[in-house]
Amino acid sequence: MNTEQLRQQARDIRKAAKELQRKMQEVTDPEEQKQLVRRMNELFAEASSLRNEAQHRYYLDESIERDFRCIETGLED
């Protein structure tokens, strides 16, 4: 999965968590609210993890690209 796909998946998961957040406002059963909160927190954590992974991959790709350019410049000299 590439960086943009990770970001998109994180956005989709976050959107699902926001939907649960809206649904929770309509639910009156305390046990069901607890389950919704638990699932919502799991989704937010998963989205955060995916965003962090995407950011890590982006910086890693940038680092590799910089290293490659440095090597390429060294070979041209």
Protein backbone atom coordinates (compact mmCIF):
# COMPACT_ATOMS: atom_id res chain seq x y z
CA MET A 1 0.00 0.00 0.00
CA ASN A 2 1.46 3.37 -0.94
CA THR A 3 1.47 6.55 1.12
CA GLU A 4 -1.63 8.07 -0.49
CA GLN A 5 -3.59 4.84 -0.02
CA LEU A 6 -2.65 4.79 3.66
CA ARG A 7 -3.81 8.39 4.04
CA GLN A 8 -7.08 7.64 2.25
CA GLN A 9 -7.72 4.60 4.42
CA ALA A 10 -7.02 6.70 7.53
CA ARG A 11 -9.54 9.32 6.31
CA ASP A 12 -12.16 6.62 5.68
CA ILE A 13 -11.66 5.07 9.11
CA ARG A 14 -11.81 8.47 10.78
CA LYS A 15 -15.05 9.20 8.92
CA ALA A 16 -16.50 5.93 10.25
CA ALA A 17 -15.47 6.90 13.78
CA LYS A 18 -17.17 10.28 13.37
CA GLU A 19 -20.35 8.49 12.27
CA LEU A 20 -20.26 6.41 15.45
CA GLN A 21 -19.76 9.61 17.42
CA ARG A 22 -22.93 11.05 15.88
CA LYS A 23 -24.83 7.81 16.47
CA MET A 24 -23.75 7.77 20.10
CA GLN A 25 -25.65 11.01 20.71
CA GLU A 26 -28.89 9.23 19.76
CA VAL A 27 -28.32 6.10 21.85
CA THR A 28 -29.74 6.05 25.37
CA ASP A 29 -28.69 2.58 26.51
CA PRO A 30 -25.52 2.94 28.64
CA GLU A 31 -24.15 -0.46 27.60
CA GLU A 32 -24.60 0.31 23.91
CA GLN A 33 -22.97 3.72 24.45
CA LYS A 34 -20.02 2.01 26.09
CA GLN A 35 -19.62 -0.32 23.11
CA LEU A 36 -19.87 2.58 20.66
CA VAL A 37 -17.26 4.57 22.57
CA ARG A 38 -14.93 1.57 22.66
CA ARG A 39 -15.30 0.98 18.90
CA MET A 40 -14.99 4.69 18.15
CA ASN A 41 -11.74 4.88 20.14
CA GLU A 42 -10.40 1.83 18.32
CA LEU A 43 -11.17 3.45 14.96
CA PHE A 44 -9.56 6.75 15.92
CA ALA A 45 -6.46 4.90 17.12
CA GLU A 46 -6.29 2.87 13.90
CA ALA A 47 -6.64 6.03 11.79
CA SER A 48 -3.89 7.71 13.78
CA SER A 49 -1.63 4.69 13.33
CA LEU A 50 -2.21 4.70 9.57
CA ARG A 51 -1.47 8.43 9.34
CA ASN A 52 1.74 7.91 11.30
CA GLU A 53 2.74 5.05 9.01
CA ALA A 54 2.02 7.19 5.94
CA GLN A 55 4.11 10.02 7.35
CA HIS A 56 6.95 7.65 8.19
CA ARG A 57 6.93 6.21 4.66
CA TYR A 58 6.82 9.69 3.14
CA TYR A 59 9.88 10.82 5.11
CA LEU A 60 11.67 7.56 4.33
CA ASP A 61 10.98 8.02 0.61
CA GLU A 62 12.22 11.61 0.80
CA SER A 63 15.38 10.49 2.60
CA ILE A 64 16.08 7.84 -0.01
CA GLU A 65 15.51 10.37 -2.79
CA ARG A 66 17.95 12.84 -1.16
CA ASP A 67 20.56 10.11 -0.75
CA PHE A 68 20.13 9.10 -4.36
CA ARG A 69 20.56 12.69 -5.54
CA CYS A 70 23.71 13.06 -3.43
CA ILE A 71 25.18 9.88 -4.92
CA GLU A 72 24.18 10.96 -8.41
CA THR A 73 25.80 14.38 -7.90
CA GLY A 74 28.96 12.70 -6.57
CA LEU A 75 29.18 10.50 -9.65
CA GLU A 76 28.82 13.49 -11.99
CA ASP A 77 31.82 15.28 -10.41
